[in-house]
N, C-alpha and C. Protein backbone atom coordinates (compact mmCIF):
# COMPACT_ATOMS: atom_id res chain seq x y z
N HIS A 1 -1.29 0.36 17.12
CA HIS A 1 -2.17 -0.25 16.56
C HIS A 1 -1.89 -0.67 14.71
N GLY A 2 -0.48 -0.75 14.12
CA GLY A 2 -0.19 -1.24 13.07
C GLY A 2 -0.57 -0.55 11.97
N TYR A 3 -0.77 1.08 12.48
CA TYR A 3 -0.44 2.52 11.24
C TYR A 3 -0.39 3.57 11.97
N LEU A 4 0.24 4.80 11.12
CA LEU A 4 0.02 5.68 11.49
C LEU A 4 -0.24 6.91 10.62
N ILE A 5 -1.36 7.76 10.94
CA ILE A 5 -1.27 8.54 9.64
C ILE A 5 -0.61 10.12 10.69
N LEU A 6 0.17 10.75 9.08
CA LEU A 6 1.12 11.71 9.68
C LEU A 6 0.64 13.11 8.40
N PRO A 7 -0.72 14.02 9.67
CA PRO A 7 -1.01 14.52 8.49
C PRO A 7 -0.22 15.73 7.99
N LYS A 8 -0.40 16.42 6.69
CA LYS A 8 0.08 17.10 6.59
C LYS A 8 1.56 16.90 6.26
N PHE A 9 1.89 16.21 5.91
CA PHE A 9 2.93 15.88 6.38
C PHE A 9 4.02 16.05 4.54
N MET A 10 3.68 16.06 3.90
CA MET A 10 4.53 16.33 3.03
C MET A 10 4.20 17.01 2.50
N PRO A 11 5.40 17.93 1.74
CA PRO A 11 5.63 19.57 1.49
C PRO A 11 5.25 19.83 0.19
N ASP A 12 3.76 20.88 0.48
CA ASP A 12 3.50 20.95 -1.20
C ASP A 12 3.98 21.35 -2.42
N GLU A 13 5.58 21.92 -2.36
CA GLU A 13 6.54 21.97 -3.69
C GLU A 13 7.25 20.48 -4.15
N LEU A 14 6.57 19.80 -3.11
CA LEU A 14 7.29 18.43 -3.67
C LEU A 14 5.97 17.64 -4.46
N ILE A 15 4.88 17.45 -3.98
CA ILE A 15 3.34 17.09 -4.74
C ILE A 15 3.47 17.69 -5.62
N ASP A 16 4.03 18.49 -6.19
CA ASP A 16 3.61 19.72 -6.89
C ASP A 16 4.99 19.67 -7.81
N ALA A 17 6.00 18.82 -8.29
CA ALA A 17 7.05 19.26 -8.44
C ALA A 17 6.73 18.21 -9.29
N TYR A 18 6.26 16.58 -8.74
CA TYR A 18 5.99 15.10 -8.72
C TYR A 18 4.85 15.31 -10.25
N CYS A 19 3.43 15.66 -9.30
CA CYS A 19 2.50 15.91 -9.97
C CYS A 19 3.00 16.15 -11.52
N ARG A 20 3.45 17.56 -12.11
CA ARG A 20 3.71 18.54 -13.14
C ARG A 20 3.87 16.80 -14.03
N VAL A 21 5.77 16.63 -13.24
CA VAL A 21 6.00 15.32 -14.12
C VAL A 21 5.10 14.22 -15.05
N PHE A 22 4.03 14.19 -13.86
CA PHE A 22 3.45 12.74 -13.64
C PHE A 22 2.10 13.11 -15.25
N LYS A 23 1.27 14.46 -14.62
CA LYS A 23 0.21 14.52 -15.97
C LYS A 23 0.94 15.06 -17.52
N ALA A 24 2.36 15.72 -17.26
CA ALA A 24 3.28 15.46 -18.28
C ALA A 24 3.29 14.30 -18.94
N THR A 25 3.43 12.86 -18.70
CA THR A 25 3.20 11.72 -19.58
C THR A 25 2.12 11.61 -19.89
N GLY A 26 0.51 12.20 -19.70
CA GLY A 26 -0.70 11.52 -20.60
C GLY A 26 -0.65 10.03 -19.27
N ARG A 27 -0.61 9.82 -18.40
CA ARG A 27 -0.74 8.53 -18.31
C ARG A 27 -2.26 8.38 -16.87
N VAL A 28 -1.85 9.73 -16.61
CA VAL A 28 -3.48 9.84 -16.03
C VAL A 28 -4.87 8.93 -16.39
N PRO A 29 -5.38 8.36 -15.56
CA PRO A 29 -5.47 7.74 -14.29
C PRO A 29 -5.16 6.86 -14.66
N ASP A 30 -3.80 5.95 -14.96
CA ASP A 30 -3.46 4.98 -15.62
C ASP A 30 -2.05 4.27 -14.66
N GLY A 31 -1.24 5.41 -13.66
CA GLY A 31 -0.27 5.65 -13.23
C GLY A 31 0.90 5.27 -14.35
N TRP A 32 2.24 4.94 -13.74
CA TRP A 32 2.98 4.61 -14.96
C TRP A 32 3.62 3.54 -15.21
N GLY A 33 2.25 2.23 -15.13
CA GLY A 33 2.30 1.06 -15.49
C GLY A 33 3.92 -0.20 -15.04
N GLU A 34 4.24 0.46 -14.01
CA GLU A 34 5.32 -0.43 -13.19
C GLU A 34 5.59 -0.40 -12.05
N PRO A 35 6.16 -1.25 -11.40
CA PRO A 35 6.64 -1.08 -10.13
C PRO A 35 7.60 -0.52 -9.75
N GLN A 36 8.10 0.01 -10.54
CA GLN A 36 9.34 1.33 -9.41
C GLN A 36 9.59 2.16 -10.37
N PRO A 37 8.75 3.22 -10.56
CA PRO A 37 8.82 4.40 -12.25
C PRO A 37 9.98 5.11 -10.87
N TYR A 38 10.29 4.90 -9.67
CA TYR A 38 11.26 6.39 -8.87
C TYR A 38 12.67 6.15 -9.51
N LEU A 39 13.19 4.91 -10.11
CA LEU A 39 13.86 4.63 -11.00
C LEU A 39 14.27 5.73 -12.24
N HIS A 40 13.58 6.21 -12.71
CA HIS A 40 13.33 7.11 -13.54
C HIS A 40 13.03 8.38 -13.77
N VAL A 41 11.88 8.52 -12.20
CA VAL A 41 11.17 9.47 -12.41
C VAL A 41 12.05 9.92 -10.90
N PRO A 42 12.77 11.18 -10.80
CA PRO A 42 13.35 11.82 -9.79
C PRO A 42 12.13 12.59 -8.85
N GLU A 43 11.64 13.06 -9.36
CA GLU A 43 10.48 14.04 -8.67
C GLU A 43 9.76 12.77 -7.57
N MET A 44 9.49 11.59 -8.23
CA MET A 44 9.08 10.41 -7.35
C MET A 44 9.73 9.42 -6.21
N LEU A 45 11.35 9.98 -6.12
CA LEU A 45 12.00 9.69 -5.33
C LEU A 45 12.36 11.06 -4.49
N ASP A 46 12.15 12.40 -4.74
CA ASP A 46 11.84 13.28 -3.97
C ASP A 46 10.78 12.44 -2.82
N LEU A 47 9.76 12.59 -2.97
CA LEU A 47 8.97 12.28 -2.13
C LEU A 47 8.62 11.09 -1.58
N CYS A 48 9.50 9.93 -2.02
CA CYS A 48 9.06 8.15 -1.44
C CYS A 48 11.02 8.69 -0.41
N CYS A 49 11.82 9.68 -0.80
CA CYS A 49 13.12 10.21 0.07
C CYS A 49 12.57 11.08 0.90
N HIS A 50 12.01 11.65 1.32
CA HIS A 50 11.27 13.24 1.65
C HIS A 50 12.17 12.48 3.55
N PRO A 51 13.29 13.42 3.32
CA PRO A 51 14.46 13.70 4.80
C PRO A 51 13.40 13.00 6.17
N PRO A 52 12.62 14.36 6.19
CA PRO A 52 11.69 13.78 7.66
C PRO A 52 10.93 12.28 7.46
N LEU A 53 10.16 12.01 6.56
CA LEU A 53 9.60 10.50 6.68
C LEU A 53 10.35 9.57 6.75
N LEU A 54 12.03 9.86 6.15
CA LEU A 54 12.89 8.34 6.48
C LEU A 54 13.34 8.56 7.71
N ARG A 55 13.31 9.39 8.41
CA ARG A 55 13.63 9.66 10.01
C ARG A 55 12.24 9.02 11.16
N LYS A 56 10.99 9.85 10.03
CA LYS A 56 9.75 8.50 10.76
C LYS A 56 9.77 7.10 10.59
N ILE A 57 10.34 6.68 9.75
CA ILE A 57 9.92 5.97 8.63
C ILE A 57 11.37 4.89 9.84
N GLU A 58 12.22 5.29 10.17
CA GLU A 58 13.31 4.31 10.88
C GLU A 58 12.90 4.98 12.39
N GLU A 59 12.17 5.22 12.83
CA GLU A 59 11.53 5.30 14.61
C GLU A 59 10.66 4.45 14.35
N LEU A 60 10.25 4.14 13.24
CA LEU A 60 8.91 2.98 13.39
C LEU A 60 9.75 1.16 13.31
N ILE A 61 10.49 1.46 12.47
CA ILE A 61 11.24 0.26 12.55
C ILE A 61 12.67 0.99 12.26
N PRO A 62 13.56 1.05 12.75
CA PRO A 62 14.74 1.19 13.65
C PRO A 62 15.74 0.55 12.75
N THR A 63 15.76 0.47 11.05
CA THR A 63 16.52 0.17 10.58
C THR A 63 16.65 0.85 9.40
N PRO A 64 17.48 1.36 8.66
CA PRO A 64 17.46 1.71 6.70
C PRO A 64 16.20 0.99 6.45
N MET A 65 15.84 1.32 5.59
CA MET A 65 14.81 0.62 4.90
C MET A 65 15.10 1.73 3.25
N ALA A 66 14.49 0.47 2.14
CA ALA A 66 14.81 0.71 1.17
C ALA A 66 13.60 1.07 0.27
N VAL A 67 12.84 2.22 -1.03
CA VAL A 67 11.90 1.62 -1.79
C VAL A 67 12.08 0.55 -2.50
N ASN A 68 11.07 0.17 -2.54
CA ASN A 68 11.33 -1.53 -2.76
C ASN A 68 9.71 -1.24 -4.30
N LEU A 69 8.95 -0.36 -4.17
CA LEU A 69 7.72 -0.71 -5.14
C LEU A 69 6.74 0.27 -4.70
N ALA A 70 6.40 0.57 -6.40
CA ALA A 70 5.39 2.11 -6.33
C ALA A 70 4.24 1.55 -7.29
N LEU A 71 3.01 1.11 -6.56
CA LEU A 71 1.85 0.71 -6.95
C LEU A 71 0.51 2.31 -7.90
N THR A 72 1.19 2.63 -8.35
CA THR A 72 0.12 4.18 -8.87
C THR A 72 -0.53 3.66 -9.94
N ALA A 73 -0.33 2.98 -10.51
CA ALA A 73 -1.98 2.32 -10.92
C ALA A 73 -2.82 1.24 -10.10
N TRP A 74 -2.13 1.48 -8.91
CA TRP A 74 -3.44 0.62 -8.53
C TRP A 74 -4.31 1.30 -7.87
N LYS A 75 -5.78 0.51 -7.11
CA LYS A 75 -6.83 1.46 -7.04
C LYS A 75 -7.28 0.58 -5.72
N SER A 76 -7.23 0.98 -4.46
CA SER A 76 -7.78 0.36 -2.88
C SER A 76 -9.03 0.35 -3.13
N THR A 77 -9.97 0.91 -3.80
CA THR A 77 -11.51 0.34 -4.20
C THR A 77 -11.47 -0.98 -4.47
N THR A 78 -10.27 -1.31 -5.78
CA THR A 78 -10.90 -2.43 -6.50
C THR A 78 -9.72 -3.84 -6.09
N ARG A 79 -9.33 -4.28 -4.74
CA ARG A 79 -8.98 -4.40 -3.70
C ARG A 79 -9.27 -5.14 -2.51
N THR A 80 -9.62 -6.40 -2.76
CA THR A 80 -11.08 -6.52 -1.21
C THR A 80 -9.39 -7.02 -0.55
N TRP A 81 -10.17 -7.20 0.89
CA TRP A 81 -9.26 -7.73 2.88
C TRP A 81 -8.36 -8.42 1.70
N HIS A 82 -7.18 -8.06 2.75
CA HIS A 82 -6.18 -9.22 2.94
C HIS A 82 -5.23 -8.87 3.94
N GLN A 83 -4.24 -9.22 3.79
CA GLN A 83 -2.63 -8.73 4.26
C GLN A 83 -1.42 -8.53 2.87
N ASP A 84 -1.21 -7.69 3.74
CA ASP A 84 0.47 -7.74 2.31
C ASP A 84 1.22 -8.52 2.36
N ASP A 85 1.65 -9.79 3.41
CA ASP A 85 2.14 -10.33 3.86
C ASP A 85 2.54 -11.39 2.49
N TYR A 86 1.66 -11.89 2.42
CA TYR A 86 1.41 -13.28 1.78
C TYR A 86 1.85 -12.46 0.50
N LEU A 87 1.46 -11.65 0.41
CA LEU A 87 1.69 -10.80 -1.71
C LEU A 87 3.41 -10.97 -1.79
N ASN A 88 3.91 -10.83 -0.66
CA ASN A 88 5.70 -10.44 -0.44
C ASN A 88 6.46 -11.59 -0.91
N PRO A 89 7.56 -11.95 -1.00
CA PRO A 89 8.52 -13.37 -1.41
C PRO A 89 8.65 -13.06 0.84
N PRO A 90 8.36 -14.49 0.34
CA PRO A 90 8.89 -15.51 1.81
C PRO A 90 10.09 -14.69 2.73
N TRP A 91 11.25 -14.50 1.66
CA TRP A 91 11.95 -14.20 2.63
C TRP A 91 11.83 -12.98 3.54
N MET A 92 11.03 -11.59 2.96
CA MET A 92 10.63 -10.38 3.62
C MET A 92 10.22 -10.43 5.08
N ASN A 93 9.50 -11.57 5.41
CA ASN A 93 9.40 -11.79 6.55
C ASN A 93 8.38 -10.84 7.19
N SER A 94 7.64 -10.39 6.77
CA SER A 94 6.76 -8.87 6.89
C SER A 94 8.32 -7.36 7.49
N TRP A 95 9.07 -7.67 6.99
CA TRP A 95 10.04 -6.77 6.97
C TRP A 95 9.87 -5.92 6.35
N TYR A 96 9.04 -4.86 6.25
CA TYR A 96 9.31 -3.27 5.98
C TYR A 96 7.06 -2.65 6.44
N LEU A 97 7.09 -1.63 5.20
CA LEU A 97 6.84 -0.92 6.06
C LEU A 97 6.46 -0.18 4.45
N ALA A 98 4.44 -0.17 4.44
CA ALA A 98 3.66 0.37 3.37
C ALA A 98 3.68 1.72 3.80
N ILE A 99 3.42 2.57 2.32
CA ILE A 99 3.20 3.96 2.73
C ILE A 99 2.24 4.69 1.33
N TRP A 100 0.89 5.05 2.09
CA TRP A 100 0.27 6.10 1.32
C TRP A 100 0.22 7.28 1.07
N LEU A 101 0.37 7.43 0.29
CA LEU A 101 0.42 9.22 0.40
C LEU A 101 -0.77 10.22 -0.53
N ALA A 102 -1.45 11.65 -0.07
CA ALA A 102 -2.07 11.59 -1.19
C ALA A 102 -1.64 12.95 -1.21
N LEU A 103 -1.99 13.23 -3.18
CA LEU A 103 -1.68 14.57 -3.69
C LEU A 103 -2.17 15.53 -3.86
N ASP A 104 -4.06 15.50 -3.47
CA ASP A 104 -4.53 15.66 -3.52
C ASP A 104 -5.57 15.50 -2.36
N ASP A 105 -7.26 16.44 -2.05
CA ASP A 105 -7.58 15.88 -0.70
C ASP A 105 -9.05 15.20 -1.75
N ILE A 106 -9.23 13.47 -1.09
CA ILE A 106 -9.31 12.69 -1.01
C ILE A 106 -11.08 12.45 -0.68
N HIS A 107 -11.96 13.12 -1.93
CA HIS A 107 -13.57 13.04 -1.07
C HIS A 107 -13.84 11.97 -0.60
N PRO A 108 -15.02 11.55 0.18
CA PRO A 108 -15.50 10.27 0.55
C PRO A 108 -16.04 9.45 -0.40
N ASP A 109 -16.48 9.89 -1.92
CA ASP A 109 -17.01 9.75 -2.84
C ASP A 109 -16.53 8.48 -2.98
N ALA A 110 -15.03 9.17 -3.36
CA ALA A 110 -13.75 8.34 -4.33
C ALA A 110 -13.68 6.99 -3.66
N GLY A 111 -14.34 6.24 -2.96
CA GLY A 111 -13.72 4.94 -2.40
C GLY A 111 -12.41 4.98 -1.45
N PRO A 112 -12.45 5.69 -0.59
CA PRO A 112 -11.33 5.89 0.34
C PRO A 112 -10.77 4.66 1.25
N PHE A 113 -9.16 5.01 1.17
CA PHE A 113 -8.48 3.29 1.73
C PHE A 113 -9.18 3.09 3.18
N GLU A 114 -9.57 2.51 3.17
CA GLU A 114 -9.94 1.42 4.55
C GLU A 114 -9.49 0.23 5.29
N PHE A 115 -8.83 0.20 6.32
CA PHE A 115 -7.96 -0.91 6.89
C PHE A 115 -8.55 -1.10 8.31
N VAL A 116 -8.33 -2.16 9.17
CA VAL A 116 -8.67 -2.57 9.95
C VAL A 116 -7.34 -1.99 11.54
N PRO A 117 -7.14 -1.91 12.31
CA PRO A 117 -6.38 -1.16 13.43
C PRO A 117 -6.87 -2.69 14.03
N GLY A 118 -4.88 -3.16 14.10
CA GLY A 118 -4.87 -4.55 15.57
C GLY A 118 -5.03 -5.86 14.24
N SER A 119 -5.60 -5.36 13.48
CA SER A 119 -5.27 -6.48 11.81
C SER A 119 -3.63 -7.33 11.72
N HIS A 120 -2.81 -6.30 12.06
CA HIS A 120 -1.27 -6.35 11.95
C HIS A 120 -0.82 -8.13 13.03
N ARG A 121 -1.25 -7.80 13.84
CA ARG A 121 -0.80 -8.75 14.79
C ARG A 121 -1.64 -10.71 14.74
N TRP A 122 -2.81 -10.22 13.91
CA TRP A 122 -3.29 -11.56 13.31
C TRP A 122 -2.33 -12.78 12.30
N PRO A 123 -1.89 -14.03 12.53
CA PRO A 123 -1.26 -14.68 12.57
C PRO A 123 -1.07 -14.29 10.90
N LEU A 124 0.24 -14.59 10.38
CA LEU A 124 0.53 -14.04 8.67
C LEU A 124 -0.01 -15.20 8.22
N MET A 125 -1.04 -15.32 6.76
CA MET A 125 -0.91 -15.75 5.86
C MET A 125 -0.01 -15.58 4.68
N ARG A 126 0.74 -16.40 4.70
CA ARG A 126 1.97 -16.60 3.52
C ARG A 126 1.22 -16.87 2.11
N GLY A 127 2.49 -16.23 1.28
CA GLY A 127 1.83 -16.40 -0.46
C GLY A 127 2.14 -17.77 -0.49
N GLU A 128 2.84 -18.95 0.03
CA GLU A 128 3.07 -19.82 -0.66
C GLU A 128 1.86 -21.03 -1.01
N LYS A 129 1.70 -20.80 0.86
CA LYS A 129 0.54 -21.92 1.49
C LYS A 129 -0.78 -21.39 0.18
N ILE A 130 -0.98 -20.07 -0.39
CA ILE A 130 -2.11 -19.51 -0.53
C ILE A 130 -2.05 -20.00 -2.70
N ARG A 131 -0.87 -19.93 -2.57
CA ARG A 131 -0.50 -19.86 -4.09
C ARG A 131 -0.98 -21.97 -4.22
N ALA A 132 -0.39 -22.50 -3.44
CA ALA A 132 -0.41 -24.14 -2.83
C ALA A 132 -2.24 -24.05 -3.48
N LEU A 133 -2.95 -23.96 -3.05
CA LEU A 133 -4.23 -23.75 -2.78
C LEU A 133 -5.69 -23.52 -4.22
N LEU A 134 -4.34 -22.67 -4.64
CA LEU A 134 -4.84 -22.53 -6.25
C LEU A 134 -4.54 -23.53 -7.62
N PRO A 135 -5.20 -23.02 -8.60
CA PRO A 135 -5.31 -24.36 -9.72
C PRO A 135 -3.68 -24.75 -10.60
N PRO A 136 -2.96 -25.13 -10.15
CA PRO A 136 -1.11 -25.56 -10.84
C PRO A 136 -1.41 -24.23 -12.58
N GLU A 137 -1.78 -24.39 -13.11
CA GLU A 137 -1.71 -23.03 -14.25
C GLU A 137 -2.19 -22.00 -13.33
N LYS A 138 -2.56 -21.78 -12.53
CA LYS A 138 -2.81 -19.92 -12.50
C LYS A 138 -1.29 -19.47 -11.24
N ARG A 139 -1.05 -20.23 -10.01
CA ARG A 139 0.13 -20.35 -9.13
C ARG A 139 1.06 -19.19 -9.92
N ASP A 140 1.96 -19.62 -11.12
CA ASP A 140 2.88 -18.55 -11.10
C ASP A 140 2.62 -17.13 -12.09
N LEU A 141 1.18 -17.16 -12.23
CA LEU A 141 1.03 -15.88 -13.39
C LEU A 141 0.77 -14.40 -12.48
N PRO A 142 1.07 -13.65 -13.85
CA PRO A 142 0.79 -12.49 -12.62
C PRO A 142 -0.22 -12.12 -11.98
N SER A 143 -1.15 -12.87 -12.58
CA SER A 143 -2.77 -12.53 -11.88
C SER A 143 -2.99 -13.28 -10.13
N TRP A 144 -2.04 -13.69 -9.78
CA TRP A 144 -2.54 -14.82 -8.81
C TRP A 144 -3.47 -14.26 -7.97
N PRO A 145 -2.80 -12.86 -6.91
CA PRO A 145 -3.34 -12.29 -6.02
C PRO A 145 -4.92 -12.57 -6.54
N HIS A 146 -5.23 -11.56 -7.66
CA HIS A 146 -6.56 -11.33 -8.08
C HIS A 146 -6.95 -12.96 -8.19
N ASP A 147 -6.19 -13.79 -8.75
CA ASP A 147 -6.76 -14.76 -8.63
C ASP A 147 -7.54 -15.82 -7.15
N ALA A 148 -6.65 -15.48 -6.39
CA ALA A 148 -6.71 -15.56 -5.07
C ALA A 148 -7.80 -14.96 -4.28
N GLU A 149 -8.81 -14.10 -4.60
CA GLU A 149 -8.72 -12.86 -3.87
C GLU A 149 -10.39 -14.00 -3.35
N GLU A 150 -10.71 -14.87 -4.44
CA GLU A 150 -12.34 -15.61 -4.25
C GLU A 150 -11.74 -16.39 -2.71
N MET A 151 -10.62 -17.18 -2.29
CA MET A 151 -10.55 -17.30 -0.77
C MET A 151 -10.05 -16.86 0.08
N VAL A 152 -9.47 -15.77 -0.55
CA VAL A 152 -8.88 -14.99 0.57
C VAL A 152 -9.87 -14.13 1.56
N THR A 153 -10.54 -13.04 0.43
CA THR A 153 -11.38 -12.25 1.05
C THR A 153 -12.34 -13.25 2.40
N PRO A 154 -12.88 -14.23 1.76
CA PRO A 154 -14.07 -14.53 2.83
C PRO A 154 -12.93 -14.63 3.70
N ILE A 155 -11.30 -15.38 4.45
CA ILE A 155 -10.94 -15.42 5.57
C ILE A 155 -11.78 -14.68 6.22
N PHE A 156 -11.52 -13.14 5.44
CA PHE A 156 -10.19 -11.80 6.31
C PHE A 156 -11.78 -11.23 6.42
N ASP A 157 -13.13 -11.42 5.61
CA ASP A 157 -14.32 -10.92 6.52
C ASP A 157 -14.35 -12.53 7.49
N ALA A 158 -14.24 -13.02 7.52
CA ALA A 158 -15.04 -13.71 9.07
C ALA A 158 -13.20 -13.05 9.91
N ARG A 159 -12.72 -13.04 9.92
CA ARG A 159 -12.21 -12.64 10.54
C ARG A 159 -12.12 -11.29 11.35
N ILE A 160 -12.34 -10.09 10.62
CA ILE A 160 -13.26 -9.44 11.27
C ILE A 160 -14.22 -9.11 11.75
N ALA A 161 -15.11 -10.03 11.65
CA ALA A 161 -16.84 -10.57 11.83
C ALA A 161 -16.23 -10.81 13.34
N GLU A 162 -15.23 -11.86 13.43
CA GLU A 162 -15.33 -12.65 14.86
C GLU A 162 -13.91 -11.84 16.05
N THR A 163 -13.17 -10.98 15.02
CA THR A 163 -12.73 -10.44 16.52
C THR A 163 -13.43 -8.73 16.67
N GLY A 164 -14.37 -8.65 15.89
CA GLY A 164 -15.03 -7.18 16.22
C GLY A 164 -14.02 -6.14 16.11
N LEU A 165 -13.03 -6.34 15.57
CA LEU A 165 -11.92 -4.60 15.02
C LEU A 165 -12.94 -3.67 14.00
N PRO A 166 -12.59 -2.61 14.41
CA PRO A 166 -13.65 -1.53 13.48
C PRO A 166 -12.78 -1.73 12.03
N ILE A 167 -13.31 -1.34 11.31
CA ILE A 167 -13.30 -0.73 9.83
C ILE A 167 -12.96 0.92 10.05
N ARG A 168 -11.84 1.40 9.42
CA ARG A 168 -11.30 2.50 9.63
C ARG A 168 -11.66 2.74 8.22
N SER A 169 -11.84 4.11 8.22
CA SER A 169 -11.74 5.23 6.44
C SER A 169 -10.22 6.32 6.69
N PHE A 170 -10.07 6.37 5.23
CA PHE A 170 -8.95 7.00 5.81
C PHE A 170 -8.87 7.90 5.22
N ILE A 171 -9.66 9.10 4.77
CA ILE A 171 -9.97 10.31 4.09
C ILE A 171 -9.26 11.38 4.13
N ALA A 172 -7.79 11.09 3.21
CA ALA A 172 -6.67 11.58 2.98
C ALA A 172 -7.08 13.14 3.04
N LYS A 173 -6.32 14.46 3.08
CA LYS A 173 -6.32 15.49 2.69
C LYS A 173 -4.58 15.81 1.65
N ARG A 174 -4.57 16.64 1.11
CA ARG A 174 -3.40 16.64 0.15
C ARG A 174 -2.34 16.72 1.05
N GLY A 175 -1.23 15.79 1.45
CA GLY A 175 0.17 15.51 1.67
C GLY A 175 -0.13 15.14 3.29
N ASP A 176 -1.41 14.39 3.14
CA ASP A 176 -1.71 13.83 4.34
C ASP A 176 -0.54 11.54 4.08
N VAL A 177 -0.04 11.09 5.18
CA VAL A 177 0.15 10.20 4.81
C VAL A 177 0.02 9.14 5.52
N LEU A 178 -0.15 8.21 5.30
CA LEU A 178 -0.78 6.46 5.67
C LEU A 178 0.23 5.71 5.91
N LEU A 179 0.72 5.26 6.79
CA LEU A 179 2.25 4.50 7.02
C LEU A 179 0.77 3.49 7.79
N TRP A 180 2.05 1.77 6.75
CA TRP A 180 1.09 0.28 8.31
C TRP A 180 2.26 -0.39 8.16
N HIS A 181 1.89 -1.51 8.58
CA HIS A 181 2.68 -2.94 8.46
C HIS A 181 1.97 -4.17 8.53
């Protein structure tokens, strides 16, 4: 279906260690403000490279994977429907796995993570094609994904309606992990 939920998968001691370090920074709720904080936050790297998680990933994508990006400042309730692939560099060719893990119980009113099971089989939307449709002055700005939403969102809204695939909400509990591709 393009996703896997692993209930209560992450150990409390790893979550507690990371949360202590994160809270001590005073950055809550703004996240680390950089895409690769695991390079200098060993407690985050411990979460990302938890051996049972790595084994599960290798079951799903049978090759060793690397940690690439940690979107700690990003809020899923502010992002509209999209495919992650168009946000990636073209050489990635959809060869990755995304992971969301719950550091605490998520209340349904908090804006749960939503996804469309089966949408991983849809044709890929490529970033270079989306950028080509943007005005030239916006194509290379860091904000280009946000600028492209007015084009991308209606395409996915229409595709969801056309296919009739269900929209699922992930109401996570502390330690739950959602993997998708």
